[in-house]
Each structure stands twice: as structure tokens, then as C-alpha cells.
């Protein structure tokens, strides 16, 4: 029984550590709402005209997510 309690305590502690490791810059995401009046292509994907939200992507902020 004591072995099971130690094992379970280790798992719970590990989960707490993993779940509390949230990046501190998570709230620093900049979002821009845009209306694109025409169809357009991003990479190899064709997108329709409409409303989109553009935000930074990745740790360095070099990428964008549409």
C-alpha cells in the first residue's frame, strides 16, 4: 500500500509540474482582426474573402497564424 501511495504521489506531483509550466508570454499574443475583400492564397491554401484574425505564432514572433 505504501508503494502505491508513493507512486501515486509521484504521478500527481509530475502532473502538477507539467501543468503549471505555462509560458509566461502566453498573454502577450497580439491579434489583429481584418476583413479581406477578395479570395487569396496563403502557402498552398486558397482562402475565401471574409473576416479573419491574424496573430503571432511561435516563440520568436516571426510567424503568423491566420
PDB file of N, CA and C in Angstrom:
ATOM      1  N   UNK A   1       0.825  -1.201   0.000  1.00  0.00           N
ATOM      2  CA  UNK A   1       0.000   0.000   0.000  1.00  0.00           C
ATOM      3  C   UNK A   1       0.863   1.256   0.000  1.00  0.00           C
ATOM      4  N   UNK A   2       1.967   1.235   0.792  1.00  0.00           N
ATOM      5  CA  UNK A   2       2.835   2.409   0.851  1.00  0.00           C
ATOM      6  C   UNK A   2       3.499   2.663  -0.496  1.00  0.00           C
ATOM      7  N   UNK A   3       3.841   1.571  -1.197  1.00  0.00           N
ATOM      8  CA  UNK A   3       4.454   1.719  -2.518  1.00  0.00           C
ATOM      9  C   UNK A   3       3.473   2.384  -3.490  1.00  0.00           C
ATOM     10  N   UNK A   4       2.213   1.992  -3.427  1.00  0.00           N
ATOM     11  CA  UNK A   4       1.189   2.583  -4.287  1.00  0.00           C
ATOM     12  C   UNK A   4       0.987   4.061  -3.975  1.00  0.00           C
ATOM     13  N   UNK A   5       1.022   4.426  -2.711  1.00  0.00           N
ATOM     14  CA  UNK A   5       0.847   5.826  -2.321  1.00  0.00           C
ATOM     15  C   UNK A   5       2.015   6.667  -2.813  1.00  0.00           C
ATOM     16  N   UNK A   6       3.254   6.135  -2.717  1.00  0.00           N
ATOM     17  CA  UNK A   6       4.425   6.865  -3.218  1.00  0.00           C
ATOM     18  C   UNK A   6       4.329   7.040  -4.733  1.00  0.00           C
ATOM     19  N   UNK A   7       3.942   5.979  -5.415  1.00  0.00           N
ATOM     20  CA  UNK A   7       3.818   6.011  -6.864  1.00  0.00           C
ATOM     21  C   UNK A   7       2.771   7.035  -7.294  1.00  0.00           C
ATOM     22  N   UNK A   8       1.620   7.003  -6.643  1.00  0.00           N
ATOM     23  CA  UNK A   8       0.545   7.938  -6.958  1.00  0.00           C
ATOM     24  C   UNK A   8       0.960   9.372  -6.641  1.00  0.00           C
ATOM     25  N   UNK A   9       1.663   9.567  -5.532  1.00  0.00           N
ATOM     26  CA  UNK A   9       2.146  10.907  -5.175  1.00  0.00           C
ATOM     27  C   UNK A   9       3.115  11.430  -6.222  1.00  0.00           C
ATOM     28  N   UNK A  10       3.978  10.555  -6.731  1.00  0.00           N
ATOM     29  CA  UNK A  10       4.921  10.944  -7.779  1.00  0.00           C
ATOM     30  C   UNK A  10       4.214  11.350  -9.057  1.00  0.00           C
ATOM     31  N   UNK A  11       3.194  10.606  -9.419  1.00  0.00           N
ATOM     32  CA  UNK A  11       2.426  10.929 -10.628  1.00  0.00           C
ATOM     33  C   UNK A  11       1.710  12.267 -10.462  1.00  0.00           C
ATOM     34  N   UNK A  12       1.085  12.476  -9.315  1.00  0.00           N
ATOM     35  CA  UNK A  12       0.370  13.733  -9.065  1.00  0.00           C
ATOM     36  C   UNK A  12       1.343  14.904  -9.085  1.00  0.00           C
ATOM     37  N   UNK A  13       2.505  14.754  -8.437  1.00  0.00           N
ATOM     38  CA  UNK A  13       3.499  15.830  -8.433  1.00  0.00           C
ATOM     39  C   UNK A  13       3.984  16.122  -9.849  1.00  0.00           C
ATOM     40  N   UNK A  14       4.221  15.071 -10.629  1.00  0.00           N
ATOM     41  CA  UNK A  14       4.642  15.256 -12.015  1.00  0.00           C
ATOM     42  C   UNK A  14       3.600  15.996 -12.836  1.00  0.00           C
ATOM     43  N   UNK A  15       2.339  15.643 -12.668  1.00  0.00           N
ATOM     44  CA  UNK A  15       1.265  16.330 -13.393  1.00  0.00           C
ATOM     45  C   UNK A  15       1.164  17.799 -12.994  1.00  0.00           C
ATOM     46  N   UNK A  16       1.315  18.068 -11.712  1.00  0.00           N
ATOM     47  CA  UNK A  16       1.266  19.461 -11.248  1.00  0.00           C
ATOM     48  C   UNK A  16       2.389  20.266 -11.883  1.00  0.00           C
ATOM     49  N   UNK A  17       3.594  19.696 -11.923  1.00  0.00           N
ATOM     50  CA  UNK A  17       4.726  20.405 -12.521  1.00  0.00           C
ATOM     51  C   UNK A  17       4.518  20.643 -14.012  1.00  0.00           C
ATOM     52  N   UNK A  18       4.030  19.625 -14.711  1.00  0.00           N
ATOM     53  CA  UNK A  18       3.811  19.766 -16.152  1.00  0.00           C
ATOM     54  C   UNK A  18       2.725  20.788 -16.445  1.00  0.00           C
ATOM     55  N   UNK A  19       1.623  20.722 -15.722  1.00  0.00           N
ATOM     56  CA  UNK A  19       0.504  21.623 -15.991  1.00  0.00           C
ATOM     57  C   UNK A  19       0.771  23.055 -15.543  1.00  0.00           C
ATOM     58  N   UNK A  20       1.692  23.249 -14.621  1.00  0.00           N
ATOM     59  CA  UNK A  20       1.986  24.609 -14.167  1.00  0.00           C
ATOM     60  C   UNK A  20       3.062  25.271 -15.012  1.00  0.00           C
ATOM     61  N   UNK A  21       3.638  24.551 -15.951  1.00  0.00           N
ATOM     62  CA  UNK A  21       4.700  25.098 -16.790  1.00  0.00           C
ATOM     63  C   UNK A  21       4.108  25.815 -18.000  1.00  0.00           C
ATOM     64  N   UNK A  22       3.323  26.823 -17.764  1.00  0.00           N
ATOM     65  CA  UNK A  22       2.694  27.611 -18.825  1.00  0.00           C
ATOM     66  C   UNK A  22       3.639  28.742 -19.202  1.00  0.00           C
ATOM     67  N   UNK A  23       3.858  28.971 -20.489  1.00  0.00           N
ATOM     68  CA  UNK A  23       4.744  30.068 -20.885  1.00  0.00           C
ATOM     69  C   UNK A  23       4.262  31.399 -20.326  1.00  0.00           C
ATOM     70  N   UNK A  24       5.187  32.202 -19.857  1.00  0.00           N
ATOM     71  CA  UNK A  24       4.814  33.483 -19.259  1.00  0.00           C
ATOM     72  C   UNK A  24       4.359  34.493 -20.298  1.00  0.00           C
ATOM     73  N   UNK A  25       4.700  34.261 -21.552  1.00  0.00           N
ATOM     74  CA  UNK A  25       4.315  35.197 -22.607  1.00  0.00           C
ATOM     75  C   UNK A  25       3.014  34.801 -23.287  1.00  0.00           C
ATOM     76  N   UNK A  26       2.273  33.879 -22.716  1.00  0.00           N
ATOM     77  CA  UNK A  26       1.045  33.396 -23.349  1.00  0.00           C
ATOM     78  C   UNK A  26       0.017  34.508 -23.533  1.00  0.00           C
ATOM     79  N   UNK A  27      -0.008  35.488 -22.639  1.00  0.00           N
ATOM     80  CA  UNK A  27      -0.972  36.580 -22.748  1.00  0.00           C
ATOM     81  C   UNK A  27      -0.472  37.725 -23.614  1.00  0.00           C
ATOM     82  N   UNK A  28       0.757  37.621 -24.124  1.00  0.00           N
ATOM     83  CA  UNK A  28       1.333  38.690 -24.921  1.00  0.00           C
ATOM     84  C   UNK A  28       0.956  38.590 -26.393  1.00  0.00           C
ATOM     85  N   UNK A  29       0.095  37.648 -26.742  1.00  0.00           N
ATOM     86  CA  UNK A  29      -0.276  37.445 -28.133  1.00  0.00           C
ATOM     87  C   UNK A  29      -1.008  38.667 -28.668  1.00  0.00           C
ATOM     88  N   UNK A  30      -0.548  39.158 -29.781  1.00  0.00           N
ATOM     89  CA  UNK A  30      -1.187  40.291 -30.442  1.00  0.00           C
ATOM     90  C   UNK A  30      -2.104  39.748 -31.530  1.00  0.00           C
ATOM     91  N   UNK A  31      -3.341  40.189 -31.524  1.00  0.00           N
ATOM     92  CA  UNK A  31      -4.316  39.755 -32.518  1.00  0.00           C
ATOM     93  C   UNK A  31      -4.786  40.962 -33.315  1.00  0.00           C
ATOM     94  N   UNK A  32      -4.934  40.763 -34.612  1.00  0.00           N
ATOM     95  CA  UNK A  32      -5.436  41.811 -35.493  1.00  0.00           C
ATOM     96  C   UNK A  32      -6.624  41.229 -36.251  1.00  0.00           C
ATOM     97  N   UNK A  33      -7.757  41.907 -36.195  1.00  0.00           N
ATOM     98  CA  UNK A  33      -8.935  41.495 -36.957  1.00  0.00           C
ATOM     99  C   UNK A  33      -8.909  42.237 -38.289  1.00  0.00           C
ATOM    100  N   UNK A  34      -9.049  41.483 -39.374  1.00  0.00           N
ATOM    101  CA  UNK A  34      -9.012  42.089 -40.708  1.00  0.00           C
ATOM    102  C   UNK A  34     -10.170  41.569 -41.550  1.00  0.00           C
ATOM    103  N   UNK A  35     -10.590  42.379 -42.497  1.00  0.00           N
ATOM    104  CA  UNK A  35     -11.574  41.969 -43.498  1.00  0.00           C
ATOM    105  C   UNK A  35     -10.876  41.984 -44.846  1.00  0.00           C
ATOM    106  N   UNK A  36     -10.781  40.826 -45.471  1.00  0.00           N
ATOM    107  CA  UNK A  36     -10.141  40.698 -46.779  1.00  0.00           C
ATOM    108  C   UNK A  36     -11.264  40.652 -47.814  1.00  0.00           C
ATOM    109  N   UNK A  37     -11.324  41.643 -48.731  1.00  0.00           N
ATOM    110  CA  UNK A  37     -12.442  41.733 -49.677  1.00  0.00           C
ATOM    111  C   UNK A  37     -12.295  40.857 -50.921  1.00  0.00           C
ATOM    112  N   UNK A  38     -11.283  39.987 -50.965  1.00  0.00           N
ATOM    113  CA  UNK A  38     -11.053  39.164 -52.148  1.00  0.00           C
ATOM    114  C   UNK A  38     -10.508  37.797 -51.721  1.00  0.00           C
ATOM    115  N   UNK A  39     -10.663  36.785 -52.583  1.00  0.00           N
ATOM    116  CA  UNK A  39     -10.070  35.477 -52.328  1.00  0.00           C
ATOM    117  C   UNK A  39      -8.553  35.619 -52.398  1.00  0.00           C
ATOM    118  N   UNK A  40      -7.832  34.825 -51.599  1.00  0.00           N
ATOM    119  CA  UNK A  40      -6.374  34.931 -51.592  1.00  0.00           C
ATOM    120  C   UNK A  40      -5.753  33.585 -51.237  1.00  0.00           C
ATOM    121  N   UNK A  41      -4.438  33.484 -51.430  1.00  0.00           N
ATOM    122  CA  UNK A  41      -3.712  32.243 -51.193  1.00  0.00           C
ATOM    123  C   UNK A  41      -2.670  32.472 -50.110  1.00  0.00           C
ATOM    124  N   UNK A  42      -2.621  31.557 -49.126  1.00  0.00           N
ATOM    125  CA  UNK A  42      -1.582  31.564 -48.096  1.00  0.00           C
ATOM    126  C   UNK A  42      -0.888  30.217 -48.178  1.00  0.00           C
ATOM    127  N   UNK A  43       0.398  30.239 -48.528  1.00  0.00           N
ATOM    128  CA  UNK A  43       1.115  28.976 -48.734  1.00  0.00           C
ATOM    129  C   UNK A  43       0.500  28.254 -49.911  1.00  0.00           C
ATOM    130  N   UNK A  44      -0.051  27.078 -49.677  1.00  0.00           N
ATOM    131  CA  UNK A  44      -0.707  26.324 -50.747  1.00  0.00           C
ATOM    132  C   UNK A  44      -2.219  26.254 -50.538  1.00  0.00           C
ATOM    133  N   UNK A  45      -2.737  27.055 -49.611  1.00  0.00           N
ATOM    134  CA  UNK A  45      -4.163  27.011 -49.287  1.00  0.00           C
ATOM    135  C   UNK A  45      -4.881  28.248 -49.818  1.00  0.00           C
ATOM    136  N   UNK A  46      -5.972  28.030 -50.546  1.00  0.00           N
ATOM    137  CA  UNK A  46      -6.788  29.132 -51.058  1.00  0.00           C
ATOM    138  C   UNK A  46      -7.867  29.462 -50.036  1.00  0.00           C
ATOM    139  N   UNK A  47      -7.965  30.740 -49.683  1.00  0.00           N
ATOM    140  CA  UNK A  47      -8.950  31.195 -48.702  1.00  0.00           C
ATOM    141  C   UNK A  47      -9.932  32.153 -49.360  1.00  0.00           C
ATOM    142  N   UNK A  48     -11.151  32.127 -48.874  1.00  0.00           N
ATOM    143  CA  UNK A  48     -12.215  32.986 -49.401  1.00  0.00           C
ATOM    144  C   UNK A  48     -12.150  34.372 -48.771  1.00  0.00           C
ATOM    145  N   UNK A  49     -12.758  35.329 -49.427  1.00  0.00           N
ATOM    146  CA  UNK A  49     -12.892  36.672 -48.861  1.00  0.00           C
ATOM    147  C   UNK A  49     -13.696  36.577 -47.575  1.00  0.00           C
ATOM    148  N   UNK A  50     -13.366  37.436 -46.609  1.00  0.00           N
ATOM    149  CA  UNK A  50     -14.114  37.401 -45.357  1.00  0.00           C
ATOM    150  C   UNK A  50     -13.350  38.009 -44.203  1.00  0.00           C
ATOM    151  N   UNK A  51     -13.843  37.777 -43.008  1.00  0.00           N
ATOM    152  CA  UNK A  51     -13.222  38.296 -41.788  1.00  0.00           C
ATOM    153  C   UNK A  51     -12.247  37.259 -41.233  1.00  0.00           C
ATOM    154  N   UNK A  52     -11.053  37.710 -40.853  1.00  0.00           N
ATOM    155  CA  UNK A  52     -10.019  36.829 -40.321  1.00  0.00           C
ATOM    156  C   UNK A  52      -9.370  37.482 -39.111  1.00  0.00           C
ATOM    157  N   UNK A  53      -8.774  36.644 -38.267  1.00  0.00           N
ATOM    158  CA  UNK A  53      -7.978  37.116 -37.138  1.00  0.00           C
ATOM    159  C   UNK A  53      -6.554  36.647 -37.386  1.00  0.00           C
ATOM    160  N   UNK A  54      -5.609  37.583 -37.386  1.00  0.00           N
ATOM    161  CA  UNK A  54      -4.197  37.273 -37.582  1.00  0.00           C
ATOM    162  C   UNK A  54      -3.503  37.470 -36.247  1.00  0.00           C
ATOM    163  N   UNK A  55      -2.697  36.471 -35.834  1.00  0.00           N
ATOM    164  CA  UNK A  55      -1.973  36.597 -34.573  1.00  0.00           C
ATOM    165  C   UNK A  55      -0.576  36.017 -34.730  1.00  0.00           C
ATOM    166  N   UNK A  56       0.328  36.434 -33.856  1.00  0.00           N
ATOM    167  CA  UNK A  56       1.691  35.919 -33.921  1.00  0.00           C
ATOM    168  C   UNK A  56       1.693  34.453 -33.535  1.00  0.00           C
ATOM    169  N   UNK A  57       2.687  33.724 -34.047  1.00  0.00           N
ATOM    170  CA  UNK A  57       2.773  32.292 -33.826  1.00  0.00           C
ATOM    171  C   UNK A  57       4.225  31.930 -33.579  1.00  0.00           C
ATOM    172  N   UNK A  58       4.480  31.137 -32.592  1.00  0.00           N
ATOM    173  CA  UNK A  58       5.843  30.736 -32.271  1.00  0.00           C
ATOM    174  C   UNK A  58       6.442  31.626 -31.206  1.00  0.00           C
ATOM    175  N   UNK A  59       7.536  31.170 -30.626  1.00  0.00           N
ATOM    176  CA  UNK A  59       8.167  31.902 -29.531  1.00  0.00           C
ATOM    177  C   UNK A  59       8.825  33.195 -29.974  1.00  0.00           C
ATOM    178  N   UNK A  60       9.358  33.228 -31.193  1.00  0.00           N
ATOM    179  CA  UNK A  60      10.082  34.413 -31.631  1.00  0.00           C
ATOM    180  C   UNK A  60       9.165  35.478 -32.206  1.00  0.00           C
ATOM    181  N   UNK A  61       7.926  35.123 -32.525  1.00  0.00           N
ATOM    182  CA  UNK A  61       7.000  36.083 -33.109  1.00  0.00           C
ATOM    183  C   UNK A  61       7.234  36.305 -34.586  1.00  0.00           C
ATOM    184  N   UNK A  62       8.108  35.461 -35.198  1.00  0.00           N
ATOM    185  CA  UNK A  62       8.409  35.618 -36.617  1.00  0.00           C
ATOM    186  C   UNK A  62       7.288  35.115 -37.513  1.00  0.00           C
ATOM    187  N   UNK A  63       6.459  34.223 -37.013  1.00  0.00           N
ATOM    188  CA  UNK A  63       5.397  33.649 -37.823  1.00  0.00           C
ATOM    189  C   UNK A  63       4.060  34.281 -37.508  1.00  0.00           C
ATOM    190  N   UNK A  64       3.084  33.977 -38.338  1.00  0.00           N
ATOM    191  CA  UNK A  64       1.730  34.486 -38.113  1.00  0.00           C
ATOM    192  C   UNK A  64       0.749  33.349 -38.300  1.00  0.00           C
ATOM    193  N   UNK A  65      -0.324  33.380 -37.544  1.00  0.00           N
ATOM    194  CA  UNK A  65      -1.377  32.379 -37.615  1.00  0.00           C
ATOM    195  C   UNK A  65      -2.640  33.071 -38.083  1.00  0.00           C
ATOM    196  N   UNK A  66      -3.282  32.518 -39.103  1.00  0.00           N
ATOM    197  CA  UNK A  66      -4.477  33.130 -39.686  1.00  0.00           C
ATOM    198  C   UNK A  66      -5.680  32.317 -39.301  1.00  0.00           C
TER     199      UNK A  66
END
